[in-house]
Amino acid sequence: MHFNIEKLQICFMTLFNICLLLATGQHAFAGCETSLKLEGVMSVECCAPRDKCIPAGKAVYEYSEAAKDDPSLLSISLQSSPWHFYDNDMRILTVEELAEMVKPTIKKVQRIALIASWTGVAPDRNGKSLAQKLSDALDGFPVTGMDGFVWIAKDGSVRTTHQAFTIKQRCPYGVHPGNEVMVSLVAGWPVGFEEDYVKERNSEGIMNVGAGWDIFMLCPERALQSFEAAAKLSNPTAAYNAALMRLERGKGDDVKVATNLLMQADKLGDKKARAMLRKINREGM
């Protein structure tokens, strides 16, 4: 028996009011080395004239809505890196959290497809992909992921690329209606404005830079630096993200630093930080 279900959609960022010049190189920055197979260069052209273009984030959302439904499949669209899922606020979404979100739905489907960049590839040779981790969290329920940067077309179809460098000229990331979109760049453009955000002490901008370093630049170490910089400016989401990354790494004083970051976020009213603090205390990390 087949059941008609709605696709689980986790909205993408839609802030595109700033121009940028961004030439990304996943191997070009200290601490950004990865075992992922990346090669070649791609360019994302400016969309002109501006009044004929739509924000790339808006296009992603609309295109995802247009994808054909398969009653046997739960299709999940969200921002991701090989290491992390992100929600629409650029907060790291743990595998366990996503598993709890989809459990009520999987009784009606046969498999899950993660329409999210790099979710089908293990970030290191001895690890597991996010798709594998989600499957494990769902007691072996079939989950597939994507093998590179996701591009989405108007009809909701997707393809992947594996470029080592993406060149983005100084302009908003917009597209002509119907043109495909590189999903990771929707989250990645703030990286080009890192210095500006730091000078302005713009905590939200710096926090989004952190997400961009992880999702688009494939560099979690630089992402952690940005999240911690935003946390110093009292951004609770950044503090939470930094804490999770510290706990994942688990070296030296990482747990202590993570606990302090969570305490900071908790004081700012962050409910997820409070829940994570309770988990740490309960499990004695």
C-alpha atoms as a PDB file:
ATOM      1  CA  MET A   1       0.000   0.000   0.000  1.00  0.00           C
ATOM      2  CA  HIS A   2       1.218   3.444  -0.866  1.00  0.00           C
ATOM      3  CA  PHE A   3       0.634   6.531   1.225  1.00  0.00           C
ATOM      4  CA  ASN A   4       0.723  10.093  -0.059  1.00  0.00           C
ATOM      5  CA  ILE A   5       2.997  12.169   2.159  1.00  0.00           C
ATOM      6  CA  GLU A   6       4.271  15.707   2.124  1.00  0.00           C
ATOM      7  CA  LYS A   7       7.975  16.207   1.710  1.00  0.00           C
ATOM      8  CA  LEU A   8       9.766  17.378   4.813  1.00  0.00           C
ATOM      9  CA  GLN A   9      11.100  20.782   3.868  1.00  0.00           C
ATOM     10  CA  ILE A  10      13.625  22.631   6.032  1.00  0.00           C
ATOM     11  CA  CYS A  11      13.788  26.125   4.559  1.00  0.00           C
ATOM     12  CA  PHE A  12      17.048  27.578   3.289  1.00  0.00           C
ATOM     13  CA  MET A  13      18.422  31.020   4.086  1.00  0.00           C
ATOM     14  CA  THR A  14      16.963  33.714   1.868  1.00  0.00           C
ATOM     15  CA  LEU A  15      19.077  36.756   2.759  1.00  0.00           C
ATOM     16  CA  PHE A  16      20.583  38.108  -0.458  1.00  0.00           C
ATOM     17  CA  ASN A  17      20.883  41.869  -0.087  1.00  0.00           C
ATOM     18  CA  ILE A  18      24.668  42.147  -0.227  1.00  0.00           C
ATOM     19  CA  CYS A  19      27.114  41.800  -3.116  1.00  0.00           C
ATOM     20  CA  LEU A  20      30.233  39.700  -2.798  1.00  0.00           C
ATOM     21  CA  LEU A  21      33.378  38.615  -4.518  1.00  0.00           C
ATOM     22  CA  LEU A  22      34.055  35.055  -3.477  1.00  0.00           C
ATOM     23  CA  ALA A  23      36.639  32.661  -4.842  1.00  0.00           C
ATOM     24  CA  THR A  24      36.484  29.563  -2.730  1.00  0.00           C
ATOM     25  CA  GLY A  25      39.157  26.920  -2.538  1.00  0.00           C
ATOM     26  CA  GLN A  26      38.512  24.013  -0.268  1.00  0.00           C
ATOM     27  CA  HIS A  27      42.224  23.199  -0.144  1.00  0.00           C
ATOM     28  CA  ALA A  28      43.505  26.764  -0.171  1.00  0.00           C
ATOM     29  CA  PHE A  29      43.244  27.620   3.515  1.00  0.00           C
ATOM     30  CA  ALA A  30      45.213  26.360   6.488  1.00  0.00           C
ATOM     31  CA  GLY A  31      43.263  23.800   8.445  1.00  0.00           C
ATOM     32  CA  CYS A  32      40.858  23.111   5.564  1.00  0.00           C
ATOM     33  CA  GLU A  33      42.417  19.911   4.297  1.00  0.00           C
ATOM     34  CA  THR A  34      39.969  17.124   3.527  1.00  0.00           C
ATOM     35  CA  SER A  35      39.996  13.606   2.135  1.00  0.00           C
ATOM     36  CA  LEU A  36      37.026  14.413  -0.107  1.00  0.00           C
ATOM     37  CA  LYS A  37      37.780  14.030  -3.797  1.00  0.00           C
ATOM     38  CA  LEU A  38      37.615  17.565  -5.190  1.00  0.00           C
ATOM     39  CA  GLU A  39      38.882  18.817  -8.519  1.00  0.00           C
ATOM     40  CA  GLY A  40      38.420  21.608 -11.000  1.00  0.00           C
ATOM     41  CA  VAL A  41      37.016  25.117 -10.945  1.00  0.00           C
ATOM     42  CA  MET A  42      33.483  26.394 -11.520  1.00  0.00           C
ATOM     43  CA  SER A  43      32.149  29.933 -11.861  1.00  0.00           C
ATOM     44  CA  VAL A  44      28.769  31.215 -10.746  1.00  0.00           C
ATOM     45  CA  GLU A  45      27.963  34.237 -12.879  1.00  0.00           C
ATOM     46  CA  CYS A  46      26.251  37.404 -11.759  1.00  0.00           C
ATOM     47  CA  CYS A  47      22.589  37.532 -12.657  1.00  0.00           C
ATOM     48  CA  ALA A  48      21.697  40.587 -14.722  1.00  0.00           C
ATOM     49  CA  PRO A  49      19.720  42.696 -15.081  1.00  0.00           C
ATOM     50  CA  ARG A  50      18.972  42.669 -11.366  1.00  0.00           C
ATOM     51  CA  ASP A  51      15.261  43.382 -11.760  1.00  0.00           C
ATOM     52  CA  LYS A  52      14.888  40.207 -13.825  1.00  0.00           C
ATOM     53  CA  CYS A  53      16.503  37.980 -11.183  1.00  0.00           C
ATOM     54  CA  ILE A  54      15.233  36.234  -8.071  1.00  0.00           C
ATOM     55  CA  PRO A  55      17.218  35.468  -4.902  1.00  0.00           C
ATOM     56  CA  ALA A  56      18.837  32.043  -5.135  1.00  0.00           C
ATOM     57  CA  GLY A  57      17.443  31.026  -1.739  1.00  0.00           C
ATOM     58  CA  LYS A  58      13.903  31.747  -2.899  1.00  0.00           C
ATOM     59  CA  ALA A  59      14.518  29.713  -6.041  1.00  0.00           C
ATOM     60  CA  VAL A  60      15.760  26.753  -4.011  1.00  0.00           C
ATOM     61  CA  TYR A  61      12.614  26.740  -1.913  1.00  0.00           C
ATOM     62  CA  GLU A  62      10.302  27.041  -4.916  1.00  0.00           C
ATOM     63  CA  TYR A  63      12.164  24.394  -6.896  1.00  0.00           C
ATOM     64  CA  SER A  64      12.061  21.976  -3.956  1.00  0.00           C
ATOM     65  CA  GLU A  65       8.298  22.442  -3.764  1.00  0.00           C
ATOM     66  CA  ALA A  66       8.022  21.549  -7.466  1.00  0.00           C
ATOM     67  CA  ALA A  67       9.767  18.168  -7.142  1.00  0.00           C
ATOM     68  CA  LYS A  68       7.627  15.161  -7.957  1.00  0.00           C
ATOM     69  CA  ASP A  69       6.388  13.214  -4.977  1.00  0.00           C
ATOM     70  CA  ASP A  70       7.090   9.501  -4.659  1.00  0.00           C
ATOM     71  CA  PRO A  71       4.685   7.945  -2.122  1.00  0.00           C
ATOM     72  CA  SER A  72       7.357   5.433  -1.099  1.00  0.00           C
ATOM     73  CA  LEU A  73      10.010   8.095  -0.471  1.00  0.00           C
ATOM     74  CA  LEU A  74      10.563  10.757   2.178  1.00  0.00           C
ATOM     75  CA  SER A  75      12.674  13.475   0.589  1.00  0.00           C
ATOM     76  CA  ILE A  76      14.436  15.802   3.036  1.00  0.00           C
ATOM     77  CA  SER A  77      15.941  19.064   1.783  1.00  0.00           C
ATOM     78  CA  LEU A  78      18.228  21.055   4.069  1.00  0.00           C
ATOM     79  CA  GLN A  79      21.634  22.672   4.232  1.00  0.00           C
ATOM     80  CA  SER A  80      24.497  20.383   5.145  1.00  0.00           C
ATOM     81  CA  SER A  81      28.202  19.718   5.056  1.00  0.00           C
ATOM     82  CA  PRO A  82      29.812  16.281   5.207  1.00  0.00           C
ATOM     83  CA  TRP A  83      29.829  16.737   9.007  1.00  0.00           C
ATOM     84  CA  HIS A  84      26.619  18.536   9.947  1.00  0.00           C
ATOM     85  CA  PHE A  85      22.988  19.209   9.141  1.00  0.00           C
ATOM     86  CA  TYR A  86      21.749  22.792   9.574  1.00  0.00           C
ATOM     87  CA  ASP A  87      18.256  24.171  10.141  1.00  0.00           C
ATOM     88  CA  ASN A  88      16.942  27.365   8.548  1.00  0.00           C
ATOM     89  CA  ASP A  89      18.486  29.474  11.348  1.00  0.00           C
ATOM     90  CA  MET A  90      21.944  28.019  10.610  1.00  0.00           C
ATOM     91  CA  ARG A  91      21.871  26.096  13.877  1.00  0.00           C
ATOM     92  CA  ILE A  92      23.494  22.662  13.740  1.00  0.00           C
ATOM     93  CA  LEU A  93      20.829  19.984  13.696  1.00  0.00           C
ATOM     94  CA  THR A  94      22.092  16.742  15.199  1.00  0.00           C
ATOM     95  CA  VAL A  95      21.493  13.372  13.584  1.00  0.00           C
ATOM     96  CA  GLU A  96      19.481  12.358  16.639  1.00  0.00           C
ATOM     97  CA  GLU A  97      17.244  15.425  16.340  1.00  0.00           C
ATOM     98  CA  LEU A  98      16.562  14.784  12.666  1.00  0.00           C
ATOM     99  CA  ALA A  99      15.822  11.143  13.428  1.00  0.00           C
ATOM    100  CA  GLU A 100      13.211  12.153  15.997  1.00  0.00           C
ATOM    101  CA  MET A 101      11.646  14.533  13.480  1.00  0.00           C
ATOM    102  CA  VAL A 102      11.162  11.856  10.825  1.00  0.00           C
ATOM    103  CA  LYS A 103      10.236   8.855  12.984  1.00  0.00           C
ATOM    104  CA  PRO A 104       6.486   9.562  12.848  1.00  0.00           C
ATOM    105  CA  THR A 105       6.666   9.643   9.037  1.00  0.00           C
ATOM    106  CA  ILE A 106       8.839   6.688   8.103  1.00  0.00           C
ATOM    107  CA  LYS A 107       6.092   4.189   8.892  1.00  0.00           C
ATOM    108  CA  LYS A 108       4.461   5.384   5.652  1.00  0.00           C
ATOM    109  CA  VAL A 109       7.495   5.173   3.365  1.00  0.00           C
ATOM    110  CA  GLN A 110      10.132   2.698   2.272  1.00  0.00           C
ATOM    111  CA  ARG A 111      13.215   4.891   2.304  1.00  0.00           C
ATOM    112  CA  ILE A 112      14.587   8.381   2.956  1.00  0.00           C
ATOM    113  CA  ALA A 113      16.510  10.510   0.467  1.00  0.00           C
ATOM    114  CA  LEU A 114      18.623  13.359   1.837  1.00  0.00           C
ATOM    115  CA  ILE A 115      18.635  16.081  -0.817  1.00  0.00           C
ATOM    116  CA  ALA A 116      21.534  17.774   0.919  1.00  0.00           C
ATOM    117  CA  SER A 117      25.138  18.331  -0.153  1.00  0.00           C
ATOM    118  CA  TRP A 118      27.739  15.716   0.748  1.00  0.00           C
ATOM    119  CA  THR A 119      25.387  13.652   2.927  1.00  0.00           C
ATOM    120  CA  GLY A 120      26.246  10.448   1.096  1.00  0.00           C
ATOM    121  CA  VAL A 121      30.012  10.751   1.548  1.00  0.00           C
ATOM    122  CA  ALA A 122      32.028   9.961   4.667  1.00  0.00           C
ATOM    123  CA  PRO A 123      34.195  12.991   5.548  1.00  0.00           C
ATOM    124  CA  ASP A 124      37.113  10.735   6.438  1.00  0.00           C
ATOM    125  CA  ARG A 125      38.155   7.265   5.371  1.00  0.00           C
ATOM    126  CA  ASN A 126      37.241   5.595   8.644  1.00  0.00           C
ATOM    127  CA  GLY A 127      33.990   7.407   9.303  1.00  0.00           C
ATOM    128  CA  LYS A 128      30.375   7.248   8.194  1.00  0.00           C
ATOM    129  CA  SER A 129      28.342   9.567   6.025  1.00  0.00           C
ATOM    130  CA  LEU A 130      25.451  11.549   7.472  1.00  0.00           C
ATOM    131  CA  ALA A 131      23.102   9.255   5.551  1.00  0.00           C
ATOM    132  CA  GLN A 132      24.635   6.219   7.248  1.00  0.00           C
ATOM    133  CA  LYS A 133      24.447   7.897  10.650  1.00  0.00           C
ATOM    134  CA  LEU A 134      20.799   8.778  10.166  1.00  0.00           C
ATOM    135  CA  SER A 135      20.067   5.221   9.087  1.00  0.00           C
ATOM    136  CA  ASP A 136      21.778   3.926  12.233  1.00  0.00           C
ATOM    137  CA  ALA A 137      19.721   6.316  14.383  1.00  0.00           C
ATOM    138  CA  LEU A 138      16.582   4.909  12.713  1.00  0.00           C
ATOM    139  CA  ASP A 139      17.549   1.285  13.413  1.00  0.00           C
ATOM    140  CA  GLY A 140      18.762   0.594   9.903  1.00  0.00           C
ATOM    141  CA  PHE A 141      15.977   2.288   7.950  1.00  0.00           C
ATOM    142  CA  PRO A 142      17.252   2.887   4.365  1.00  0.00           C
ATOM    143  CA  VAL A 143      18.694   6.380   3.880  1.00  0.00           C
ATOM    144  CA  THR A 144      20.549   7.731   0.855  1.00  0.00           C
ATOM    145  CA  GLY A 145      22.516  10.960   0.516  1.00  0.00           C
ATOM    146  CA  MET A 146      24.239  13.085  -2.116  1.00  0.00           C
ATOM    147  CA  ASP A 147      27.832  12.637  -3.267  1.00  0.00           C
ATOM    148  CA  GLY A 148      28.795  16.308  -3.731  1.00  0.00           C
ATOM    149  CA  PHE A 149      27.545  19.872  -3.944  1.00  0.00           C
ATOM    150  CA  VAL A 150      23.838  19.802  -4.788  1.00  0.00           C
ATOM    151  CA  TRP A 151      22.425  21.834  -7.673  1.00  0.00           C
ATOM    152  CA  ILE A 152      18.654  22.016  -8.008  1.00  0.00           C
ATOM    153  CA  ALA A 153      16.685  22.683 -11.197  1.00  0.00           C
ATOM    154  CA  LYS A 154      13.271  24.275 -11.668  1.00  0.00           C
ATOM    155  CA  ASP A 155      11.497  20.913 -11.754  1.00  0.00           C
ATOM    156  CA  GLY A 156      13.105  19.836  -8.482  1.00  0.00           C
ATOM    157  CA  SER A 157      15.617  17.499 -10.102  1.00  0.00           C
ATOM    158  CA  VAL A 158      19.146  17.575  -8.695  1.00  0.00           C
ATOM    159  CA  ARG A 159      22.709  16.915  -9.724  1.00  0.00           C
ATOM    160  CA  THR A 160      26.033  17.159  -7.912  1.00  0.00           C
ATOM    161  CA  THR A 161      29.443  18.658  -8.621  1.00  0.00           C
ATOM    162  CA  HIS A 162      32.790  18.152  -6.911  1.00  0.00           C
ATOM    163  CA  GLN A 163      34.773  21.293  -7.692  1.00  0.00           C
ATOM    164  CA  ALA A 164      37.721  22.305  -5.542  1.00  0.00           C
ATOM    165  CA  PHE A 165      37.132  26.008  -6.305  1.00  0.00           C
ATOM    166  CA  THR A 166      33.954  27.983  -6.887  1.00  0.00           C
ATOM    167  CA  ILE A 167      34.350  31.539  -8.175  1.00  0.00           C
ATOM    168  CA  LYS A 168      31.522  33.941  -7.336  1.00  0.00           C
ATOM    169  CA  GLN A 169      31.725  37.507  -8.607  1.00  0.00           C
ATOM    170  CA  ARG A 170      30.808  40.510  -6.475  1.00  0.00           C
ATOM    171  CA  CYS A 171      27.034  40.487  -6.805  1.00  0.00           C
ATOM    172  CA  PRO A 172      24.042  39.059  -4.982  1.00  0.00           C
ATOM    173  CA  TYR A 173      23.478  35.369  -5.626  1.00  0.00           C
ATOM    174  CA  GLY A 174      20.456  35.587  -7.836  1.00  0.00           C
ATOM    175  CA  VAL A 175      19.249  33.587 -10.817  1.00  0.00           C
ATOM    176  CA  HIS A 176      16.944  34.107 -13.723  1.00  0.00           C
ATOM    177  CA  PRO A 177      13.653  32.338 -13.049  1.00  0.00           C
ATOM    178  CA  GLY A 178      14.078  28.720 -14.078  1.00  0.00           C
ATOM    179  CA  ASN A 179      17.881  28.598 -13.848  1.00  0.00           C
ATOM    180  CA  GLU A 180      19.391  26.008 -11.533  1.00  0.00           C
ATOM    181  CA  VAL A 181      20.946  26.908  -8.185  1.00  0.00           C
ATOM    182  CA  MET A 182      24.027  25.712  -6.283  1.00  0.00           C
ATOM    183  CA  VAL A 183      22.431  25.056  -2.905  1.00  0.00           C
ATOM    184  CA  SER A 184      25.591  25.277  -0.771  1.00  0.00           C
ATOM    185  CA  LEU A 185      26.351  28.747  -2.099  1.00  0.00           C
ATOM    186  CA  VAL A 186      23.008  29.905  -0.689  1.00  0.00           C
ATOM    187  CA  ALA A 187      24.596  29.433   2.741  1.00  0.00           C
ATOM    188  CA  GLY A 188      28.164  30.149   1.657  1.00  0.00           C
ATOM    189  CA  TRP A 189      28.106  33.732   0.397  1.00  0.00           C
ATOM    190  CA  PRO A 190      28.643  35.393   3.838  1.00  0.00           C
ATOM    191  CA  VAL A 191      32.218  34.041   3.884  1.00  0.00           C
ATOM    192  CA  GLY A 192      33.138  36.780   1.441  1.00  0.00           C
ATOM    193  CA  PHE A 193      32.091  39.399   3.983  1.00  0.00           C
ATOM    194  CA  GLU A 194      33.866  38.002   7.019  1.00  0.00           C
ATOM    195  CA  GLU A 195      36.139  41.016   7.517  1.00  0.00           C
ATOM    196  CA  ASP A 196      33.228  43.426   7.217  1.00  0.00           C
ATOM    197  CA  TYR A 197      31.170  41.559   9.798  1.00  0.00           C
ATOM    198  CA  VAL A 198      34.101  41.439  12.198  1.00  0.00           C
ATOM    199  CA  LYS A 199      34.697  45.191  11.873  1.00  0.00           C
ATOM    200  CA  GLU A 200      31.001  45.856  12.425  1.00  0.00           C
ATOM    201  CA  ARG A 201      30.847  43.416  15.340  1.00  0.00           C
ATOM    202  CA  ASN A 202      27.899  41.850  13.535  1.00  0.00           C
ATOM    203  CA  SER A 203      27.357  38.644  15.493  1.00  0.00           C
ATOM    204  CA  GLU A 204      24.691  37.240  13.176  1.00  0.00           C
ATOM    205  CA  GLY A 205      26.836  37.890  10.133  1.00  0.00           C
ATOM    206  CA  ILE A 206      29.845  36.200  11.739  1.00  0.00           C
ATOM    207  CA  MET A 207      27.665  33.269  12.776  1.00  0.00           C
ATOM    208  CA  ASN A 208      26.482  32.873   9.166  1.00  0.00           C
ATOM    209  CA  VAL A 209      30.114  33.033   8.044  1.00  0.00           C
ATOM    210  CA  GLY A 210      30.755  30.052  10.307  1.00  0.00           C
ATOM    211  CA  ALA A 211      27.996  28.086   8.643  1.00  0.00           C
ATOM    212  CA  GLY A 212      29.389  29.059   5.253  1.00  0.00           C
ATOM    213  CA  TRP A 213      32.855  27.792   6.143  1.00  0.00           C
ATOM    214  CA  ASP A 214      31.359  24.406   7.018  1.00  0.00           C
ATOM    215  CA  ILE A 215      28.702  24.046   4.304  1.00  0.00           C
ATOM    216  CA  PHE A 216      30.369  25.726   1.326  1.00  0.00           C
ATOM    217  CA  MET A 217      34.076  25.853   2.086  1.00  0.00           C
ATOM    218  CA  LEU A 218      34.142  22.379   3.669  1.00  0.00           C
ATOM    219  CA  CYS A 219      36.282  23.627   6.537  1.00  0.00           C
ATOM    220  CA  PRO A 220      34.847  22.873  10.001  1.00  0.00           C
ATOM    221  CA  GLU A 221      37.915  24.195  11.817  1.00  0.00           C
ATOM    222  CA  ARG A 222      37.431  27.656  10.333  1.00  0.00           C
ATOM    223  CA  ALA A 223      33.706  27.343  11.015  1.00  0.00           C
ATOM    224  CA  LEU A 224      34.469  26.758  14.685  1.00  0.00           C
ATOM    225  CA  GLN A 225      36.631  29.891  14.800  1.00  0.00           C
ATOM    226  CA  SER A 226      33.797  31.996  13.385  1.00  0.00           C
ATOM    227  CA  PHE A 227      31.185  30.472  15.673  1.00  0.00           C
ATOM    228  CA  GLU A 228      33.348  31.204  18.709  1.00  0.00           C
ATOM    229  CA  ALA A 229      33.977  34.761  17.496  1.00  0.00           C
ATOM    230  CA  ALA A 230      30.215  35.306  17.199  1.00  0.00           C
ATOM    231  CA  ALA A 231      29.689  33.706  20.605  1.00  0.00           C
ATOM    232  CA  LYS A 232      31.984  36.326  22.127  1.00  0.00           C
ATOM    233  CA  LEU A 233      29.511  38.874  20.777  1.00  0.00           C
ATOM    234  CA  SER A 234      26.689  37.130  22.659  1.00  0.00           C
ATOM    235  CA  ASN A 235      25.198  35.159  19.780  1.00  0.00           C
ATOM    236  CA  PRO A 236      23.527  32.110  21.395  1.00  0.00           C
ATOM    237  CA  THR A 237      23.179  30.072  18.186  1.00  0.00           C
ATOM    238  CA  ALA A 238      26.861  30.500  17.435  1.00  0.00           C
ATOM    239  CA  ALA A 239      27.750  29.510  21.005  1.00  0.00           C
ATOM    240  CA  TYR A 240      25.596  26.396  20.662  1.00  0.00           C
ATOM    241  CA  ASN A 241      27.169  25.453  17.312  1.00  0.00           C
ATOM    242  CA  ALA A 242      30.668  25.982  18.660  1.00  0.00           C
ATOM    243  CA  ALA A 243      29.874  23.857  21.698  1.00  0.00           C
ATOM    244  CA  LEU A 244      28.618  20.979  19.567  1.00  0.00           C
ATOM    245  CA  MET A 245      31.723  21.091  17.402  1.00  0.00           C
ATOM    246  CA  ARG A 246      33.944  21.119  20.501  1.00  0.00           C
ATOM    247  CA  LEU A 247      32.088  18.121  21.931  1.00  0.00           C
ATOM    248  CA  GLU A 248      32.461  16.253  18.643  1.00  0.00           C
ATOM    249  CA  ARG A 249      36.207  16.880  18.591  1.00  0.00           C
ATOM    250  CA  GLY A 250      36.670  15.980  22.253  1.00  0.00           C
ATOM    251  CA  LYS A 251      40.326  16.936  22.586  1.00  0.00           C
ATOM    252  CA  GLY A 252      42.117  18.595  25.484  1.00  0.00           C
ATOM    253  CA  ASP A 253      39.798  21.056  27.210  1.00  0.00           C
ATOM    254  CA  ASP A 254      37.096  20.849  24.510  1.00  0.00           C
ATOM    255  CA  VAL A 255      34.436  19.559  26.901  1.00  0.00           C
ATOM    256  CA  LYS A 256      35.191  22.322  29.408  1.00  0.00           C
ATOM    257  CA  VAL A 257      35.075  25.014  26.731  1.00  0.00           C
ATOM    258  CA  ALA A 258      31.889  23.526  25.276  1.00  0.00           C
ATOM    259  CA  THR A 259      30.241  23.554  28.702  1.00  0.00           C
ATOM    260  CA  ASN A 260      31.106  27.219  29.165  1.00  0.00           C
ATOM    261  CA  LEU A 261      29.707  28.042  25.720  1.00  0.00           C
ATOM    262  CA  LEU A 262      26.480  26.219  26.509  1.00  0.00           C
ATOM    263  CA  MET A 263      26.205  28.008  29.841  1.00  0.00           C
ATOM    264  CA  GLN A 264      26.613  31.317  28.007  1.00  0.00           C
ATOM    265  CA  ALA A 265      23.888  30.407  25.509  1.00  0.00           C
ATOM    266  CA  ASP A 266      21.639  29.172  28.304  1.00  0.00           C
ATOM    267  CA  LYS A 267      21.908  32.541  30.063  1.00  0.00           C
ATOM    268  CA  LEU A 268      20.793  34.148  26.811  1.00  0.00           C
ATOM    269  CA  GLY A 269      17.677  31.988  26.823  1.00  0.00           C
ATOM    270  CA  ASP A 270      18.737  29.269  24.408  1.00  0.00           C
ATOM    271  CA  LYS A 271      16.596  26.213  25.191  1.00  0.00           C
ATOM    272  CA  LYS A 272      18.677  23.768  23.172  1.00  0.00           C
ATOM    273  CA  ALA A 273      21.792  24.832  25.018  1.00  0.00           C
ATOM    274  CA  ARG A 274      20.047  24.167  28.325  1.00  0.00           C
ATOM    275  CA  ALA A 275      18.993  20.712  27.134  1.00  0.00           C
ATOM    276  CA  MET A 276      22.538  19.908  26.016  1.00  0.00           C
ATOM    277  CA  LEU A 277      23.915  21.027  29.378  1.00  0.00           C
ATOM    278  CA  ARG A 278      21.550  18.630  31.106  1.00  0.00           C
ATOM    279  CA  LYS A 279      22.682  15.842  28.787  1.00  0.00           C
ATOM    280  CA  ILE A 280      26.345  16.537  29.573  1.00  0.00           C
ATOM    281  CA  ASN A 281      25.666  16.507  33.305  1.00  0.00           C
ATOM    282  CA  ARG A 282      23.596  13.349  33.033  1.00  0.00           C
ATOM    283  CA  GLU A 283      26.123  11.431  30.941  1.00  0.00           C
ATOM    284  CA  GLY A 284      29.157  12.825  32.725  1.00  0.00           C
ATOM    285  CA  MET A 285      31.079  13.898  29.636  1.00  0.00           C
END
